[in-house]
Amino acid sequence: MLDEEKLETVPCPYCRGVILVGAKRCKYCHAELAGMWPKEAVDKRPEKNPALATLLSLLFPGMGQYYCGRTDKAIVFVFLFVILVGLFYWLTFPWILVAVGAGADAFLEARKTRV
């Protein structure tokens, strides 16, 4: 579900169609808009600490993604972790593999929030 506060709209400078702030291309006239948005208008997410996001995902896969505001990815990593633990509970390798993958992804997500 999308949060209504995060979705700001403006009229397209070319066709006056309503578009999202930060759009790369107008969905009506297909004009290139990539260079016209200031950095502050495009990414309003608060900065996240990549080290903390990585540590959270290593401890419990999905927590780093949740910390970064990516609940969709967090749910995927949690389900993947639970399924692998259920299927291969006698092996530690799948657990470690999912935790390391989640940690790397959380690190990259947190770096996207930094200037």
N, C-alpha and C. Protein backbone atom coordinates (compact mmCIF):
# COMPACT_ATOMS: atom_id res chain seq x y z
N MET A 1 0.84 -1.17 0.00
CA MET A 1 0.00 0.00 0.00
C MET A 1 0.89 1.24 0.00
N LEU A 2 0.57 2.22 -0.82
CA LEU A 2 1.37 3.42 -0.92
C LEU A 2 0.90 4.46 0.08
N ASP A 3 1.86 5.14 0.67
CA ASP A 3 1.54 6.18 1.63
C ASP A 3 1.23 7.47 0.87
N GLU A 4 0.09 8.06 1.09
CA GLU A 4 -0.35 9.24 0.35
C GLU A 4 0.57 10.44 0.58
N GLU A 5 1.20 10.54 1.75
CA GLU A 5 2.07 11.67 2.03
C GLU A 5 3.32 11.64 1.16
N LYS A 6 3.77 10.47 0.76
CA LYS A 6 4.98 10.33 -0.02
C LYS A 6 4.77 10.65 -1.50
N LEU A 7 3.53 10.66 -1.96
CA LEU A 7 3.23 10.87 -3.36
C LEU A 7 2.83 12.32 -3.62
N GLU A 8 3.77 13.11 -4.09
CA GLU A 8 3.48 14.49 -4.46
C GLU A 8 3.36 14.56 -5.96
N THR A 9 2.38 15.32 -6.44
CA THR A 9 2.17 15.45 -7.87
C THR A 9 2.32 16.91 -8.29
N VAL A 10 2.72 17.08 -9.54
CA VAL A 10 2.85 18.40 -10.15
C VAL A 10 2.39 18.28 -11.60
N PRO A 11 2.05 19.41 -12.23
CA PRO A 11 1.72 19.33 -13.66
C PRO A 11 2.99 19.22 -14.50
N CYS A 12 2.92 18.46 -15.56
CA CYS A 12 4.05 18.33 -16.49
C CYS A 12 4.30 19.70 -17.12
N PRO A 13 5.56 20.14 -17.22
CA PRO A 13 5.83 21.45 -17.80
C PRO A 13 5.54 21.52 -19.31
N TYR A 14 5.36 20.38 -19.95
CA TYR A 14 5.14 20.36 -21.39
C TYR A 14 3.66 20.19 -21.76
N CYS A 15 2.98 19.21 -21.13
CA CYS A 15 1.59 18.93 -21.52
C CYS A 15 0.58 19.24 -20.43
N ARG A 16 1.05 19.61 -19.23
CA ARG A 16 0.22 19.94 -18.07
C ARG A 16 -0.51 18.73 -17.48
N GLY A 17 -0.13 17.51 -17.88
CA GLY A 17 -0.69 16.31 -17.26
C GLY A 17 -0.14 16.14 -15.85
N VAL A 18 -0.89 15.54 -14.97
CA VAL A 18 -0.47 15.37 -13.58
C VAL A 18 0.52 14.22 -13.49
N ILE A 19 1.72 14.51 -12.96
CA ILE A 19 2.78 13.50 -12.83
C ILE A 19 3.33 13.53 -11.41
N LEU A 20 4.05 12.47 -11.04
CA LEU A 20 4.68 12.40 -9.72
C LEU A 20 5.95 13.22 -9.71
N VAL A 21 6.24 13.86 -8.57
CA VAL A 21 7.50 14.56 -8.41
C VAL A 21 8.62 13.54 -8.49
N GLY A 22 9.62 13.81 -9.30
CA GLY A 22 10.75 12.90 -9.46
C GLY A 22 10.61 11.96 -10.65
N ALA A 23 9.52 12.09 -11.40
CA ALA A 23 9.33 11.21 -12.56
C ALA A 23 10.43 11.47 -13.59
N LYS A 24 10.89 10.40 -14.23
CA LYS A 24 11.93 10.53 -15.25
C LYS A 24 11.35 10.85 -16.61
N ARG A 25 10.08 10.50 -16.79
CA ARG A 25 9.42 10.70 -18.08
C ARG A 25 7.93 10.94 -17.82
N CYS A 26 7.36 11.87 -18.55
CA CYS A 26 5.92 12.14 -18.41
C CYS A 26 5.15 10.96 -18.99
N LYS A 27 4.14 10.49 -18.25
CA LYS A 27 3.38 9.35 -18.74
C LYS A 27 2.38 9.72 -19.82
N TYR A 28 2.17 11.01 -20.03
CA TYR A 28 1.23 11.46 -21.06
C TYR A 28 1.93 11.85 -22.37
N CYS A 29 2.92 12.77 -22.28
CA CYS A 29 3.59 13.23 -23.50
C CYS A 29 4.96 12.58 -23.70
N HIS A 30 5.41 11.77 -22.74
CA HIS A 30 6.68 11.04 -22.79
C HIS A 30 7.90 11.95 -22.89
N ALA A 31 7.80 13.17 -22.39
CA ALA A 31 8.93 14.09 -22.38
C ALA A 31 9.92 13.67 -21.30
N GLU A 32 11.22 13.84 -21.57
CA GLU A 32 12.27 13.53 -20.59
C GLU A 32 12.24 14.58 -19.48
N LEU A 33 12.17 14.13 -18.24
CA LEU A 33 12.10 15.03 -17.09
C LEU A 33 13.22 14.76 -16.08
N ALA A 34 14.15 13.88 -16.42
CA ALA A 34 15.12 13.39 -15.45
C ALA A 34 15.97 14.48 -14.83
N GLY A 35 16.38 15.49 -15.55
CA GLY A 35 17.30 16.48 -15.01
C GLY A 35 16.63 17.66 -14.34
N MET A 36 15.33 17.73 -14.30
CA MET A 36 14.66 18.92 -13.79
C MET A 36 14.34 18.88 -12.30
N TRP A 37 14.53 17.73 -11.63
CA TRP A 37 14.16 17.63 -10.22
C TRP A 37 15.37 17.85 -9.33
N PRO A 38 15.26 18.68 -8.30
CA PRO A 38 16.35 18.79 -7.33
C PRO A 38 16.42 17.52 -6.49
N LYS A 39 17.59 17.21 -5.99
CA LYS A 39 17.82 15.99 -5.21
C LYS A 39 16.86 15.90 -4.02
N GLU A 40 16.58 17.01 -3.37
CA GLU A 40 15.71 17.00 -2.19
C GLU A 40 14.28 16.61 -2.54
N ALA A 41 13.82 16.99 -3.73
CA ALA A 41 12.44 16.69 -4.11
C ALA A 41 12.26 15.22 -4.48
N VAL A 42 13.31 14.60 -5.00
CA VAL A 42 13.21 13.22 -5.48
C VAL A 42 13.28 12.23 -4.33
N ASP A 43 14.22 12.40 -3.42
CA ASP A 43 14.43 11.42 -2.36
C ASP A 43 14.24 12.09 -1.01
N LYS A 44 13.06 11.92 -0.42
CA LYS A 44 12.77 12.53 0.88
C LYS A 44 12.94 11.55 2.02
N ARG A 45 13.48 10.37 1.72
CA ARG A 45 13.69 9.40 2.80
C ARG A 45 14.81 9.89 3.71
N PRO A 46 14.68 9.70 5.00
CA PRO A 46 15.77 10.08 5.90
C PRO A 46 16.98 9.16 5.68
N GLU A 47 18.16 9.70 5.97
CA GLU A 47 19.37 8.90 5.80
C GLU A 47 19.37 7.72 6.77
N LYS A 48 19.83 6.60 6.28
CA LYS A 48 19.92 5.39 7.10
C LYS A 48 21.38 4.97 7.18
N ASN A 49 21.75 4.35 8.28
CA ASN A 49 23.11 3.91 8.52
C ASN A 49 23.31 2.55 7.85
N PRO A 50 24.19 2.44 6.83
CA PRO A 50 24.40 1.17 6.14
C PRO A 50 24.92 0.06 7.06
N ALA A 51 25.80 0.43 8.01
CA ALA A 51 26.34 -0.59 8.92
C ALA A 51 25.23 -1.16 9.82
N LEU A 52 24.35 -0.31 10.31
CA LEU A 52 23.25 -0.78 11.16
C LEU A 52 22.28 -1.64 10.35
N ALA A 53 21.98 -1.22 9.13
CA ALA A 53 21.08 -2.00 8.27
C ALA A 53 21.66 -3.38 7.99
N THR A 54 22.97 -3.44 7.73
CA THR A 54 23.63 -4.73 7.48
C THR A 54 23.59 -5.61 8.73
N LEU A 55 23.90 -5.03 9.86
CA LEU A 55 23.90 -5.79 11.12
C LEU A 55 22.50 -6.33 11.44
N LEU A 56 21.48 -5.51 11.24
CA LEU A 56 20.11 -5.97 11.50
C LEU A 56 19.75 -7.14 10.60
N SER A 57 20.14 -7.07 9.33
CA SER A 57 19.80 -8.17 8.40
C SER A 57 20.63 -9.41 8.66
N LEU A 58 21.84 -9.25 9.15
CA LEU A 58 22.64 -10.43 9.49
C LEU A 58 22.06 -11.14 10.71
N LEU A 59 21.56 -10.37 11.67
CA LEU A 59 20.96 -10.97 12.87
C LEU A 59 19.62 -11.63 12.56
N PHE A 60 18.79 -10.93 11.78
CA PHE A 60 17.51 -11.49 11.37
C PHE A 60 17.20 -10.98 9.97
N PRO A 61 17.32 -11.82 8.96
CA PRO A 61 17.10 -11.38 7.57
C PRO A 61 15.75 -10.69 7.39
N GLY A 62 15.80 -9.52 6.80
CA GLY A 62 14.61 -8.73 6.56
C GLY A 62 14.52 -7.49 7.44
N MET A 63 15.16 -7.51 8.59
CA MET A 63 15.09 -6.36 9.50
C MET A 63 15.83 -5.15 8.93
N GLY A 64 16.92 -5.35 8.21
CA GLY A 64 17.64 -4.23 7.60
C GLY A 64 16.82 -3.57 6.52
N GLN A 65 16.11 -4.37 5.74
CA GLN A 65 15.24 -3.82 4.71
C GLN A 65 14.08 -3.05 5.35
N TYR A 66 13.53 -3.58 6.43
CA TYR A 66 12.45 -2.90 7.13
C TYR A 66 12.95 -1.57 7.70
N TYR A 67 14.16 -1.57 8.25
CA TYR A 67 14.78 -0.35 8.78
C TYR A 67 14.93 0.71 7.67
N CYS A 68 15.21 0.27 6.47
CA CYS A 68 15.37 1.19 5.33
C CYS A 68 14.05 1.59 4.69
N GLY A 69 12.94 1.05 5.18
CA GLY A 69 11.63 1.42 4.65
C GLY A 69 11.17 0.56 3.50
N ARG A 70 11.84 -0.56 3.24
CA ARG A 70 11.47 -1.45 2.14
C ARG A 70 10.78 -2.69 2.70
N THR A 71 9.52 -2.52 3.11
CA THR A 71 8.80 -3.64 3.72
C THR A 71 8.53 -4.76 2.71
N ASP A 72 8.44 -4.42 1.43
CA ASP A 72 8.23 -5.46 0.42
C ASP A 72 9.42 -6.41 0.37
N LYS A 73 10.62 -5.87 0.38
CA LYS A 73 11.81 -6.72 0.39
C LYS A 73 11.97 -7.44 1.72
N ALA A 74 11.60 -6.78 2.80
CA ALA A 74 11.71 -7.40 4.12
C ALA A 74 10.86 -8.65 4.20
N ILE A 75 9.64 -8.57 3.68
CA ILE A 75 8.74 -9.73 3.71
C ILE A 75 9.32 -10.88 2.89
N VAL A 76 9.91 -10.57 1.75
CA VAL A 76 10.51 -11.61 0.90
C VAL A 76 11.65 -12.30 1.64
N PHE A 77 12.53 -11.54 2.27
CA PHE A 77 13.66 -12.15 2.99
C PHE A 77 13.19 -12.95 4.20
N VAL A 78 12.18 -12.47 4.91
CA VAL A 78 11.66 -13.22 6.06
C VAL A 78 11.07 -14.56 5.60
N PHE A 79 10.25 -14.54 4.56
CA PHE A 79 9.67 -15.79 4.06
C PHE A 79 10.74 -16.73 3.54
N LEU A 80 11.72 -16.20 2.82
CA LEU A 80 12.81 -17.04 2.32
C LEU A 80 13.58 -17.68 3.47
N PHE A 81 13.84 -16.89 4.50
CA PHE A 81 14.56 -17.40 5.66
C PHE A 81 13.74 -18.49 6.37
N VAL A 82 12.46 -18.24 6.58
CA VAL A 82 11.60 -19.21 7.28
C VAL A 82 11.49 -20.51 6.47
N ILE A 83 11.34 -20.39 5.18
CA ILE A 83 11.23 -21.58 4.33
C ILE A 83 12.52 -22.39 4.36
N LEU A 84 13.66 -21.72 4.24
CA LEU A 84 14.94 -22.44 4.26
C LEU A 84 15.22 -23.07 5.62
N VAL A 85 14.85 -22.37 6.68
CA VAL A 85 15.03 -22.96 8.01
C VAL A 85 14.12 -24.18 8.16
N GLY A 86 12.90 -24.10 7.66
CA GLY A 86 11.98 -25.23 7.76
C GLY A 86 12.42 -26.43 6.94
N LEU A 87 12.95 -26.19 5.74
CA LEU A 87 13.35 -27.28 4.87
C LEU A 87 14.72 -27.87 5.23
N PHE A 88 15.62 -26.99 5.62
CA PHE A 88 17.01 -27.43 5.86
C PHE A 88 17.46 -27.09 7.27
N TYR A 89 16.64 -27.44 8.25
CA TYR A 89 16.95 -27.09 9.64
C TYR A 89 18.23 -27.74 10.15
N TRP A 90 18.68 -28.83 9.54
CA TRP A 90 19.89 -29.51 10.00
C TRP A 90 21.16 -28.89 9.39
N LEU A 91 21.01 -28.04 8.39
CA LEU A 91 22.16 -27.39 7.76
C LEU A 91 22.22 -25.92 8.16
N THR A 92 23.41 -25.39 8.35
CA THR A 92 23.53 -23.97 8.66
C THR A 92 23.84 -23.14 7.43
N PHE A 93 24.31 -23.76 6.35
CA PHE A 93 24.70 -23.02 5.16
C PHE A 93 23.57 -22.20 4.55
N PRO A 94 22.35 -22.75 4.35
CA PRO A 94 21.28 -21.92 3.78
C PRO A 94 20.92 -20.72 4.65
N TRP A 95 20.97 -20.88 5.97
CA TRP A 95 20.68 -19.78 6.87
C TRP A 95 21.70 -18.66 6.66
N ILE A 96 22.96 -19.05 6.62
CA ILE A 96 24.03 -18.07 6.44
C ILE A 96 23.92 -17.40 5.08
N LEU A 97 23.60 -18.17 4.06
CA LEU A 97 23.47 -17.63 2.71
C LEU A 97 22.37 -16.56 2.64
N VAL A 98 21.22 -16.83 3.22
CA VAL A 98 20.13 -15.86 3.21
C VAL A 98 20.51 -14.64 4.05
N ALA A 99 21.13 -14.84 5.20
CA ALA A 99 21.51 -13.72 6.07
C ALA A 99 22.54 -12.82 5.38
N VAL A 100 23.52 -13.40 4.72
CA VAL A 100 24.53 -12.61 4.02
C VAL A 100 23.90 -11.87 2.83
N GLY A 101 23.03 -12.53 2.09
CA GLY A 101 22.33 -11.87 0.99
C GLY A 101 21.46 -10.72 1.48
N ALA A 102 20.75 -10.94 2.56
CA ALA A 102 19.91 -9.88 3.13
C ALA A 102 20.77 -8.74 3.65
N GLY A 103 21.90 -9.06 4.26
CA GLY A 103 22.80 -8.03 4.75
C GLY A 103 23.36 -7.17 3.63
N ALA A 104 23.76 -7.80 2.54
CA ALA A 104 24.29 -7.06 1.39
C ALA A 104 23.20 -6.16 0.78
N ASP A 105 22.00 -6.69 0.66
CA ASP A 105 20.90 -5.90 0.11
C ASP A 105 20.55 -4.73 1.02
N ALA A 106 20.54 -4.96 2.33
CA ALA A 106 20.23 -3.88 3.28
C ALA A 106 21.30 -2.79 3.22
N PHE A 107 22.55 -3.18 3.07
CA PHE A 107 23.64 -2.21 2.94
C PHE A 107 23.41 -1.32 1.72
N LEU A 108 23.06 -1.94 0.60
CA LEU A 108 22.83 -1.17 -0.64
C LEU A 108 21.60 -0.27 -0.52
N GLU A 109 20.55 -0.75 0.12
CA GLU A 109 19.36 0.08 0.33
C GLU A 109 19.66 1.29 1.20
N ALA A 110 20.45 1.09 2.26
CA ALA A 110 20.79 2.21 3.15
C ALA A 110 21.71 3.20 2.45
N ARG A 111 22.58 2.72 1.57
CA ARG A 111 23.47 3.63 0.83
C ARG A 111 22.69 4.50 -0.14
N LYS A 112 21.54 4.03 -0.63
CA LYS A 112 20.71 4.83 -1.54
C LYS A 112 20.16 6.07 -0.84
N THR A 113 20.02 6.02 0.49
CA THR A 113 19.46 7.15 1.22
C THR A 113 20.51 8.20 1.55
N ARG A 114 21.77 7.88 1.36
CA ARG A 114 22.85 8.83 1.67
C ARG A 114 23.09 9.75 0.49
N VAL A 115 23.52 10.95 0.79
CA VAL A 115 23.79 11.93 -0.27
C VAL A 115 25.17 11.74 -0.83
